């Protein structure tokens, strides 16, 4: 759209107002090389993608984390340039789907002004999404309104819900990471995904400025992305009056009931199951788990938690045994037994006698069972993914990923994705722990205890001797990943 054209309707008028800000929008070109979780000693064939980004202060560019995930090369191109500039990824927040980039070439920054961030929009406020969606090489502008504001999980990798804007402007492949402007030309968010449900049309989601600001300030304070903290609890609503009476609550008291407390989180030192959380940092929590947000609005109380930074303290008022207590708690990020991502690290593996051991993660489950892994993966793994809690910060769920058929492992070839719970009678804490025990084993047999009483037994000397022959035959460079060699 030409900036001198006549604006004959309100949506078009909004787009016209943000034209001066469009020069800050860039096209993101990324070459990805994803790890191969099924064959963790290899990488997948490289692929390419396009996305959008926006120039912010400090010679930096914001885009979506998924646009540069597993990047081997990132290039940026300005709207008014035919040159692609090499970029460096400074930080990635996979839970909030934001990445921060920079370009060392001074030419990239000449004559361009960073965007200004605006306040969180209200319902029905006009928004204009700008980016480079699929179907063309030039910039694209779509307009709509804010239709909902709520806390949402940003992806399957997210460990908590963050504030999100639902809009009715079109968001398509390639729009990801592009800015959403208000009618005053200020950036109010980053486009990051669309609703692909068959039951919903014209629904897209935008990362709002409070989440963006939190990400940037976190990076500036720590020199890296440390994440959005969580309480580390499982809770339930207290809308039933009998439940509230049984917990000794007065008619004017409201709150949520603690079901479980993560053993690895700071809350484990003060919160207990059956506690009733009445307020967080002085803000009363409703029986449905919501808190006042803006005039006439309420939002999930996790919004209050996500506004804090890792390591900050929060005051929590709790009812326990009909008595009210207050605890000052240090907040931290969420530790999951099955992590949502590996922070860009390659997957860990260990091979002995052709038996491949691996640590389970969400990317591993997606590689094994596809995007619908919660429906296709074995129920035993899904239950652990959804409900199991890590007892220590370094605990992992170790499985036999597959068995590379050889004479030494005859009879075990069909074992796949079965959890390893013990080795020679000792519990398996994580993959590194298993490697240490196996490598130092002096017993006659290697005895791997699997779930549901299944066992795998190999003669120690012959099993270790056969490992190198199997690696050579399969052209596998090492019996273990580099992180396990230290």
Protein backbone atom coordinates (compact mmCIF):
# COMPACT_ATOMS: atom_id res chain seq x y z
CA UNK A 1 0.00 0.00 0.00
CA UNK A 2 1.33 3.43 -0.92
CA UNK A 3 1.51 5.86 2.00
CA UNK A 4 -0.13 8.55 -0.09
CA UNK A 5 -3.18 6.49 -0.97
CA UNK A 6 -6.59 7.49 0.30
CA UNK A 7 -7.88 5.51 3.28
CA UNK A 8 -11.54 4.83 2.68
CA UNK A 9 -12.31 2.46 5.54
CA UNK A 10 -11.29 2.12 9.16
CA UNK A 11 -9.16 -1.07 8.80
CA UNK A 12 -7.32 0.46 5.84
CA UNK A 13 -6.94 3.72 7.74
CA UNK A 14 -5.28 1.87 10.59
CA UNK A 15 -2.87 0.24 8.14
CA UNK A 16 -2.02 3.64 6.65
CA UNK A 17 -1.12 5.05 10.04
CA UNK A 18 1.50 2.36 10.64
CA UNK A 19 3.23 2.74 7.25
CA UNK A 20 6.12 4.78 8.76
CA UNK A 21 6.79 1.88 11.16
CA UNK A 22 6.95 -0.71 8.40
CA UNK A 23 10.60 0.06 7.66
CA UNK A 24 11.42 -1.62 10.99
CA UNK A 25 9.93 -4.92 9.77
CA UNK A 26 12.47 -7.40 8.40
CA UNK A 27 12.32 -10.73 6.64
CA UNK A 28 14.01 -13.63 8.44
CA UNK A 29 15.72 -16.38 6.45
CA UNK A 30 16.85 -19.39 8.49
CA UNK A 31 18.61 -22.64 7.67
CA UNK A 32 17.75 -25.27 10.28
CA UNK A 33 19.56 -28.52 11.07
CA UNK A 34 17.45 -30.47 13.51
CA UNK A 35 18.79 -33.30 15.63
CA UNK A 36 17.63 -36.82 14.85
CA UNK A 37 16.18 -38.14 18.09
CA UNK A 38 15.59 -41.62 16.66
CA UNK A 39 19.24 -41.82 15.57
CA UNK A 40 20.77 -39.30 17.99
CA UNK A 41 24.31 -39.65 16.62
CA UNK A 42 23.06 -38.07 13.39
CA UNK A 43 21.36 -34.86 12.29
CA UNK A 44 18.42 -34.51 9.97
CA UNK A 45 18.72 -33.06 6.50
CA UNK A 46 18.89 -29.28 6.68
CA UNK A 47 15.79 -27.28 5.82
CA UNK A 48 14.98 -23.63 5.20
CA UNK A 49 12.22 -21.35 6.42
CA UNK A 50 11.13 -17.74 6.25
CA UNK A 51 9.66 -15.58 8.95
CA UNK A 52 9.32 -11.98 10.02
CA UNK A 53 10.98 -9.81 12.61
CA UNK A 54 11.04 -6.26 13.89
CA UNK A 55 13.89 -3.92 14.78
CA UNK A 56 13.97 -2.78 18.41
CA UNK A 57 16.37 -0.62 20.39
CA UNK A 58 20.01 -1.49 20.99
CA UNK A 59 20.74 -2.75 17.44
CA UNK A 60 18.58 -5.78 18.03
CA UNK A 61 15.79 -7.61 16.22
CA UNK A 62 12.90 -9.58 17.71
CA UNK A 63 11.36 -12.63 16.06
CA UNK A 64 9.76 -15.90 17.14
CA UNK A 65 11.96 -18.56 18.70
CA UNK A 66 10.47 -21.22 16.44
CA UNK A 67 11.64 -19.20 13.41
CA UNK A 68 15.29 -19.78 14.37
CA UNK A 69 15.08 -23.06 16.30
CA UNK A 70 18.04 -25.37 15.51
CA UNK A 71 19.52 -22.64 13.34
CA UNK A 72 22.79 -23.07 11.49
CA UNK A 73 22.49 -19.80 9.62
CA UNK A 74 20.20 -16.79 10.01
CA UNK A 75 19.94 -13.88 7.59
CA UNK A 76 17.85 -10.72 7.74
CA UNK A 77 16.65 -8.49 4.91
CA UNK A 78 15.17 -5.06 5.27
CA UNK A 79 12.15 -3.99 3.29
CA UNK A 80 14.11 -1.34 1.36
CA UNK A 81 17.18 -3.48 0.66
CA UNK A 82 18.15 -6.32 -1.68
CA UNK A 83 20.91 -7.49 0.67
CA UNK A 84 20.64 -10.29 3.18
CA UNK A 85 22.72 -9.70 6.30
CA UNK A 86 24.09 -12.46 8.52
CA UNK A 87 22.55 -12.37 11.99
CA UNK A 88 23.55 -13.75 15.38
CA UNK A 89 21.04 -15.21 17.83
CA UNK A 90 21.58 -13.57 21.22
CA UNK A 91 18.86 -15.31 23.22
CA UNK A 92 15.92 -17.66 22.75
CA UNK A 93 12.89 -18.10 24.98
CA UNK A 94 11.11 -21.22 23.86
CA UNK A 95 8.34 -20.91 26.48
CA UNK A 96 7.47 -17.42 25.28
CA UNK A 97 8.45 -18.11 21.63
CA UNK A 98 10.69 -15.04 21.37
CA UNK A 99 14.23 -14.79 20.00
CA UNK A 100 16.58 -11.80 20.10
CA UNK A 101 18.96 -11.28 17.15
CA UNK A 102 21.62 -8.80 16.14
CA UNK A 103 23.58 -7.94 13.00
CA UNK A 104 27.22 -6.86 13.14
CA UNK A 105 27.22 -5.08 9.77
CA UNK A 106 26.67 -1.34 10.33
CA UNK A 107 25.02 -0.99 6.93
CA UNK A 108 22.00 -2.94 8.16
CA UNK A 109 21.23 -0.29 10.78
CA UNK A 110 21.63 2.79 8.60
CA UNK A 111 18.57 5.01 8.28
CA UNK A 112 16.17 2.82 10.24
CA UNK A 113 14.43 3.65 13.51
CA UNK A 114 13.42 0.98 16.04
CA UNK A 115 9.76 0.49 16.85
CA UNK A 116 8.15 1.97 19.92
CA UNK A 117 6.16 -0.32 22.17
CA UNK A 118 2.62 0.56 23.11
CA UNK A 119 0.46 -0.40 26.07
CA UNK A 120 -1.58 -3.57 26.25
CA UNK A 121 -4.61 -2.99 24.00
CA UNK A 122 -8.20 -3.31 25.15
CA UNK A 123 -10.85 -5.58 23.70
CA UNK A 124 -12.01 -4.46 20.24
CA UNK A 125 -8.96 -2.22 19.78
CA UNK A 126 -7.75 -2.22 16.19
CA UNK A 127 -4.49 -4.04 15.36
CA UNK A 128 -2.49 -4.30 12.16
CA UNK A 129 -0.25 -7.31 11.61
CA UNK A 130 2.74 -6.75 9.33
CA UNK A 131 5.08 -9.40 7.96
CA UNK A 132 6.10 -11.64 5.10
CA UNK A 133 3.56 -14.46 4.89
CA UNK A 134 3.78 -17.21 2.32
CA UNK A 135 2.63 -16.33 -1.19
CA UNK A 136 4.83 -13.36 -2.02
CA UNK A 137 8.16 -11.62 -1.47
CA UNK A 138 6.84 -8.22 -0.44
CA UNK A 139 5.51 -7.04 2.89
CA UNK A 140 1.92 -7.88 3.79
CA UNK A 141 -0.54 -6.00 5.98
CA UNK A 142 -3.68 -7.43 7.57
CA UNK A 143 -6.01 -5.71 9.99
CA UNK A 144 -8.40 -6.80 12.71
CA UNK A 145 -9.34 -6.25 16.33
CA UNK A 146 -8.41 -7.74 19.69
CA UNK A 147 -11.10 -10.31 20.40
CA UNK A 148 -9.81 -11.87 23.64
CA UNK A 149 -7.09 -11.43 26.26
CA UNK A 150 -6.20 -14.42 28.40
CA UNK A 151 -3.36 -16.65 29.58
CA UNK A 152 -2.52 -19.35 27.05
CA UNK A 153 0.16 -22.04 26.60
CA UNK A 154 2.34 -20.74 23.80
CA UNK A 155 3.35 -24.18 22.55
CA UNK A 156 3.73 -27.82 23.55
CA UNK A 157 7.13 -26.79 24.91
CA UNK A 158 5.64 -24.34 27.38
CA UNK A 159 5.69 -25.19 31.08
CA UNK A 160 3.21 -22.45 32.00
CA UNK A 161 0.58 -20.17 30.56
CA UNK A 162 1.48 -16.62 29.58
CA UNK A 163 -0.57 -13.60 28.66
CA UNK A 164 -1.74 -13.71 25.04
CA UNK A 165 -3.84 -11.62 22.65
CA UNK A 166 -6.38 -13.31 20.41
CA UNK A 167 -7.08 -11.34 17.24
CA UNK A 168 -9.17 -11.84 14.13
CA UNK A 169 -6.51 -10.63 11.68
CA UNK A 170 -5.04 -13.25 9.35
CA UNK A 171 -1.78 -14.83 10.56
CA UNK A 172 -0.18 -17.26 8.13
CA UNK A 173 3.10 -19.09 7.65
CA UNK A 174 5.82 -16.45 7.38
CA UNK A 175 3.94 -13.91 9.53
CA UNK A 176 5.56 -15.39 12.62
CA UNK A 177 7.69 -12.86 14.45
CA UNK A 178 6.20 -9.86 12.67
CA UNK A 179 4.88 -6.91 14.69
CA UNK A 180 1.27 -6.08 15.48
CA UNK A 181 0.69 -2.32 15.56
CA UNK A 182 -2.06 -0.29 17.17
CA UNK A 183 -3.75 2.59 15.35
CA UNK A 184 -1.06 4.98 16.61
CA UNK A 185 1.74 3.02 14.96
CA UNK A 186 3.12 1.53 18.17
CA UNK A 187 4.01 -2.13 18.46
CA UNK A 188 1.64 -4.00 20.80
CA UNK A 189 2.93 -7.51 20.14
CA UNK A 190 4.48 -10.14 17.90
CA UNK A 191 2.45 -12.54 15.77
CA UNK A 192 3.27 -16.11 16.67
CA UNK A 193 0.59 -18.58 15.65
CA UNK A 194 -2.88 -19.17 14.28
CA UNK A 195 -5.64 -21.44 15.51
CA UNK A 196 -5.72 -24.38 13.11
CA UNK A 197 -8.80 -25.99 14.65
CA UNK A 198 -11.47 -27.02 12.19
CA UNK A 199 -14.02 -25.39 14.46
CA UNK A 200 -12.42 -21.92 14.43
CA UNK A 201 -11.87 -19.36 11.69
CA UNK A 202 -9.88 -16.12 11.62
CA UNK A 203 -8.26 -16.65 15.00
CA UNK A 204 -4.64 -15.69 15.49
CA UNK A 205 -2.48 -15.07 18.55
CA UNK A 206 -0.09 -12.26 19.38
CA UNK A 207 2.59 -12.12 22.07
CA UNK A 208 1.73 -8.90 23.96
CA UNK A 209 4.19 -6.23 25.06
CA UNK A 210 4.29 -7.27 28.77
CA UNK A 211 5.69 -10.66 27.75
CA UNK A 212 8.09 -9.08 25.25
CA UNK A 213 9.30 -6.55 27.81
CA UNK A 214 9.81 -9.30 30.38
CA UNK A 215 11.93 -11.25 27.89
CA UNK A 216 14.09 -8.24 26.97
CA UNK A 217 14.60 -7.09 30.56
CA UNK A 218 15.41 -10.65 31.63
CA UNK A 219 18.14 -10.75 28.97
CA UNK A 220 19.48 -7.33 29.92
CA UNK A 221 19.61 -8.22 33.62
CA UNK A 222 21.15 -11.66 33.28
CA UNK A 223 22.95 -11.59 29.94
CA UNK A 224 20.82 -14.56 28.96
CA UNK A 225 17.23 -15.77 28.99
CA UNK A 226 16.42 -17.31 32.39
CA UNK A 227 12.72 -17.98 31.82
CA UNK A 228 9.36 -17.20 33.34
CA UNK A 229 9.01 -18.50 36.92
CA UNK A 230 6.23 -20.75 38.15
CA UNK A 231 4.98 -21.73 41.59
CA UNK A 232 5.64 -25.40 40.90
CA UNK A 233 2.29 -26.68 42.14
CA UNK A 234 -0.74 -28.56 40.84
CA UNK A 235 -3.99 -27.03 42.04
CA UNK A 236 -7.74 -27.28 41.75
CA UNK A 237 -10.62 -24.83 41.90
CA UNK A 238 -12.65 -24.39 45.09
CA UNK A 239 -16.02 -23.50 43.63
CA UNK A 240 -17.84 -26.18 45.61
CA UNK A 241 -19.13 -24.82 48.97
CA UNK A 242 -18.73 -28.17 50.75
CA UNK A 243 -15.09 -28.29 49.72
CA UNK A 244 -14.52 -24.83 51.15
CA UNK A 245 -16.32 -25.72 54.37
CA UNK A 246 -14.28 -28.88 54.77
CA UNK A 247 -11.09 -26.85 54.48
CA UNK A 248 -12.24 -24.48 57.21
CA UNK A 249 -12.73 -21.45 54.99
CA UNK A 250 -14.94 -18.58 56.08
CA UNK A 251 -17.73 -17.35 53.78
CA UNK A 252 -15.68 -14.32 52.74
CA UNK A 253 -12.53 -16.31 51.98
CA UNK A 254 -11.62 -17.53 48.51
CA UNK A 255 -8.69 -19.38 47.05
CA UNK A 256 -7.36 -22.48 45.31
CA UNK A 257 -6.47 -25.89 46.71
CA UNK A 258 -2.94 -27.24 46.37
CA UNK A 259 -2.99 -30.85 45.10
CA UNK A 260 0.71 -31.50 44.59
CA UNK A 261 3.97 -29.63 45.08
CA UNK A 262 6.95 -30.10 42.79
CA UNK A 263 9.77 -31.59 44.94
CA UNK A 264 12.38 -29.56 43.02
CA UNK A 265 10.77 -26.13 43.39
CA UNK A 266 11.24 -23.66 46.26
CA UNK A 267 7.55 -24.03 47.14
CA UNK A 268 8.28 -27.53 48.45
CA UNK A 269 9.89 -25.90 51.48
CA UNK A 270 6.73 -24.13 52.56
CA UNK A 271 3.63 -25.29 50.66
CA UNK A 272 1.93 -28.63 51.26
CA UNK A 273 -0.88 -30.60 49.65
CA UNK A 274 -4.29 -29.46 50.99
CA UNK A 275 -3.04 -25.92 51.56
CA UNK A 276 -5.42 -23.23 50.33
CA UNK A 277 -3.66 -20.32 48.59
CA UNK A 278 -5.63 -17.19 49.40
CA UNK A 279 -3.51 -14.51 47.74
CA UNK A 280 -0.34 -13.88 45.77
CA UNK A 281 1.65 -10.72 46.50
CA UNK A 282 -1.38 -9.18 48.18
CA UNK A 283 -3.81 -9.95 45.33
CA UNK A 284 -6.72 -12.17 46.37
CA UNK A 285 -7.28 -15.28 44.25
CA UNK A 286 -10.82 -16.29 43.34
CA UNK A 287 -12.23 -19.78 43.83
CA UNK A 288 -11.85 -20.32 40.09
CA UNK A 289 -8.14 -19.42 40.13
CA UNK A 290 -8.56 -15.95 38.62
CA UNK A 291 -7.52 -12.50 39.81
CA UNK A 292 -8.73 -8.98 38.89
CA UNK A 293 -7.09 -7.83 35.67
CA UNK A 294 -8.58 -4.63 34.31
CA UNK A 295 -11.95 -2.98 34.63
CA UNK A 296 -14.56 -5.70 34.25
CA UNK A 297 -11.97 -8.39 33.49
CA UNK A 298 -10.40 -11.30 35.35
CA UNK A 299 -7.48 -13.50 34.34
CA UNK A 300 -5.72 -16.64 35.55
CA UNK A 301 -3.51 -15.96 38.58
CA UNK A 302 -0.52 -17.45 36.74
CA UNK A 303 -0.37 -14.03 35.07
CA UNK A 304 0.82 -12.55 38.39
CA UNK A 305 3.49 -15.23 38.72
CA UNK A 306 4.72 -14.78 35.15
CA UNK A 307 5.25 -11.04 35.75
CA UNK A 308 8.00 -11.88 38.24
CA UNK A 309 11.59 -12.74 37.35
CA UNK A 310 13.53 -15.86 38.23
CA UNK A 311 15.04 -15.42 41.69
CA UNK A 312 12.56 -12.77 42.80
CA UNK A 313 10.52 -13.21 45.96
CA UNK A 314 6.76 -13.33 46.32
CA UNK A 315 4.49 -13.20 49.36
CA UNK A 316 1.91 -16.00 49.46
CA UNK A 317 -0.96 -16.16 51.96
CA UNK A 318 -2.04 -19.71 52.76
CA UNK A 319 -4.70 -21.34 54.90
CA UNK A 320 -3.58 -24.56 56.55
CA UNK A 321 -5.65 -26.42 59.14
CA UNK A 322 -7.99 -23.38 59.42
CA UNK A 323 -5.07 -21.08 60.22
CA UNK A 324 -3.69 -18.39 57.93
CA UNK A 325 0.06 -18.31 57.26
CA UNK A 326 2.23 -16.09 55.09
CA UNK A 327 5.32 -17.34 53.27
CA UNK A 328 7.97 -15.43 51.36
CA UNK A 329 8.97 -17.63 48.47
CA UNK A 330 11.79 -17.39 45.95
CA UNK A 331 10.42 -18.11 42.48
CA UNK A 332 12.13 -20.31 39.92
CA UNK A 333 11.50 -21.87 36.54
CA UNK A 334 9.66 -25.14 36.14
CA UNK A 335 11.56 -28.46 36.29
CA UNK A 336 9.77 -31.19 34.39
CA UNK A 337 10.64 -34.87 34.49
CA UNK A 338 10.11 -34.90 30.73
CA UNK A 339 11.44 -31.50 29.60
CA UNK A 340 9.70 -29.53 26.88
CA UNK A 341 12.97 -28.75 25.09
CA UNK A 342 16.73 -29.23 25.37
CA UNK A 343 17.74 -25.56 25.08
CA UNK A 344 19.38 -26.25 21.75
CA UNK A 345 21.58 -29.08 23.03
CA UNK A 346 21.88 -32.27 20.96
CA UNK A 347 20.11 -35.33 22.40
CA UNK A 348 22.04 -37.62 24.73
CA UNK A 349 22.45 -41.34 24.03
CA UNK A 350 24.40 -44.39 25.19
CA UNK A 351 24.94 -47.69 23.40
CA UNK A 352 26.08 -50.99 24.86
CA UNK A 353 25.81 -54.27 22.95
CA UNK A 354 23.54 -52.54 20.42
CA UNK A 355 21.04 -51.42 23.06
CA UNK A 356 20.39 -47.69 22.66
CA UNK A 357 19.55 -45.78 25.83
CA UNK A 358 18.09 -42.27 25.72
CA UNK A 359 16.51 -39.67 27.98
CA UNK A 360 12.89 -38.83 27.15
CA UNK A 361 11.92 -35.27 26.25
CA UNK A 362 9.00 -33.73 24.38
CA UNK A 363 11.09 -33.39 21.19
CA UNK A 364 11.94 -37.08 21.54
CA UNK A 365 8.26 -38.02 21.82
CA UNK A 366 7.40 -35.84 18.83
CA UNK A 367 10.15 -37.49 16.78
CA UNK A 368 8.98 -40.97 17.74
CA UNK A 369 5.21 -40.48 17.54
CA UNK A 370 4.57 -37.24 15.64
CA UNK A 371 2.82 -34.04 16.69
CA UNK A 372 -0.08 -36.07 18.10
CA UNK A 373 2.27 -37.93 20.47
CA UNK A 374 -0.12 -37.45 23.40
CA UNK A 375 -2.56 -39.73 21.55
CA UNK A 376 -0.11 -42.04 19.77
CA UNK A 377 2.63 -42.61 22.35
CA UNK A 378 2.30 -45.47 24.87
CA UNK A 379 -0.01 -44.52 27.70
CA UNK A 380 2.75 -45.18 30.24
CA UNK A 381 4.89 -42.41 28.71
CA UNK A 382 1.98 -40.01 28.26
CA UNK A 383 0.97 -40.38 31.91
CA UNK A 384 4.53 -39.66 33.03
CA UNK A 385 4.69 -36.68 30.69
CA UNK A 386 1.47 -35.19 32.04
CA UNK A 387 1.62 -36.10 35.71
CA UNK A 388 5.01 -37.41 36.91
CA UNK A 389 7.14 -35.07 39.03
CA UNK A 390 10.93 -34.95 39.13
CA UNK A 391 12.25 -35.82 42.58
CA UNK A 392 15.58 -34.07 41.94
CA UNK A 393 16.87 -31.42 39.55
CA UNK A 394 18.95 -33.93 37.56
CA UNK A 395 16.40 -36.74 37.37
CA UNK A 396 15.63 -38.08 33.88
CA UNK A 397 13.31 -40.69 32.43
CA UNK A 398 15.71 -43.16 30.79
CA UNK A 399 14.41 -45.62 28.21
CA UNK A 400 15.71 -48.26 25.85
CA UNK A 401 15.01 -46.32 22.67
CA UNK A 402 15.69 -49.25 20.34
CA UNK A 403 17.86 -52.33 19.97
CA UNK A 404 20.27 -52.51 17.02
CA UNK A 405 19.93 -56.17 16.15
CA UNK A 406 23.05 -58.29 16.65
CA UNK A 407 23.87 -61.79 17.86
CA UNK A 408 24.66 -60.52 21.37
CA UNK A 409 21.17 -59.06 21.90
CA UNK A 410 19.08 -61.84 20.36
CA UNK A 411 15.63 -61.94 21.94
CA UNK A 412 15.66 -58.29 22.92
CA UNK A 413 15.15 -56.77 19.44
CA UNK A 414 11.52 -55.80 19.98
CA UNK A 415 12.13 -53.71 23.10
CA UNK A 416 11.35 -50.08 22.37
CA UNK A 417 10.78 -47.06 24.60
CA UNK A 418 10.66 -49.09 27.80
CA UNK A 419 11.78 -47.28 30.93
CA UNK A 420 14.99 -48.44 32.62
CA UNK A 421 14.37 -48.34 36.36
CA UNK A 422 17.44 -50.13 37.72
CA UNK A 423 20.86 -51.50 36.88
CA UNK A 424 22.28 -54.41 38.87
CA UNK A 425 19.80 -53.62 41.61
CA UNK A 426 20.62 -49.90 41.81
CA UNK A 427 18.02 -47.29 40.77
CA UNK A 428 18.74 -45.35 37.58
CA UNK A 429 18.65 -41.64 38.34
CA UNK A 430 19.54 -40.32 34.90
CA UNK A 431 21.41 -41.30 31.76
CA UNK A 432 24.79 -40.14 33.07
CA UNK A 433 24.26 -42.23 36.19
CA UNK A 434 23.50 -45.31 34.06
CA UNK A 435 26.60 -44.77 31.93
CA UNK A 436 28.80 -44.51 35.01
CA UNK A 437 27.40 -47.70 36.52
CA UNK A 438 27.70 -49.72 33.30
CA UNK A 439 31.18 -48.49 32.41
CA UNK A 440 32.48 -49.27 35.91
CA UNK A 441 30.66 -52.58 36.27
CA UNK A 442 32.86 -55.50 37.40
CA UNK A 443 30.02 -57.97 37.88
CA UNK A 444 29.69 -60.98 35.58
CA UNK A 445 26.36 -59.76 34.15
CA UNK A 446 24.80 -56.48 33.14
CA UNK A 447 21.25 -56.58 34.51
CA UNK A 448 18.88 -53.86 33.35
CA UNK A 449 15.59 -53.72 35.21
CA UNK A 450 12.77 -52.34 33.08
CA UNK A 451 9.28 -51.28 34.05
CA UNK A 452 6.63 -53.91 34.80
CA UNK A 453 9.28 -56.42 35.90
CA UNK A 454 10.92 -56.98 32.52
CA UNK A 455 14.70 -57.54 32.60
CA UNK A 456 17.56 -57.48 30.11
CA UNK A 457 20.65 -59.47 31.06
CA UNK A 458 23.93 -59.61 29.16
CA UNK A 459 27.31 -61.10 30.00
CA UNK A 460 29.47 -58.10 30.86
CA UNK A 461 32.68 -59.01 29.06
CA UNK A 462 31.09 -60.14 25.79
CA UNK A 463 28.58 -57.26 25.77
CA UNK A 464 31.28 -54.62 26.05
CA UNK A 465 33.44 -56.40 23.49
CA UNK A 466 30.57 -56.56 20.99
CA UNK A 467 29.75 -52.87 21.31
CA UNK A 468 32.59 -51.61 19.11
CA UNK A 469 31.85 -54.14 16.36
CA UNK A 470 28.21 -53.01 16.29
CA UNK A 471 29.22 -49.35 16.16
CA UNK A 472 31.59 -50.05 13.26
CA UNK A 473 28.99 -52.04 11.33
CA UNK A 474 26.40 -49.27 11.80
CA UNK A 475 28.91 -46.49 11.17
CA UNK A 476 28.15 -44.91 14.52
CA UNK A 477 31.06 -42.68 15.60
CA UNK A 478 30.78 -43.14 19.36
CA UNK A 479 29.06 -45.30 21.96
CA UNK A 480 27.86 -42.21 23.79
CA UNK A 481 27.09 -38.55 23.18
CA UNK A 482 29.76 -35.97 24.00
CA UNK A 483 27.97 -34.71 27.12
CA UNK A 484 28.26 -38.15 28.72
CA UNK A 485 32.02 -38.43 28.15
CA UNK A 486 32.96 -35.75 30.67
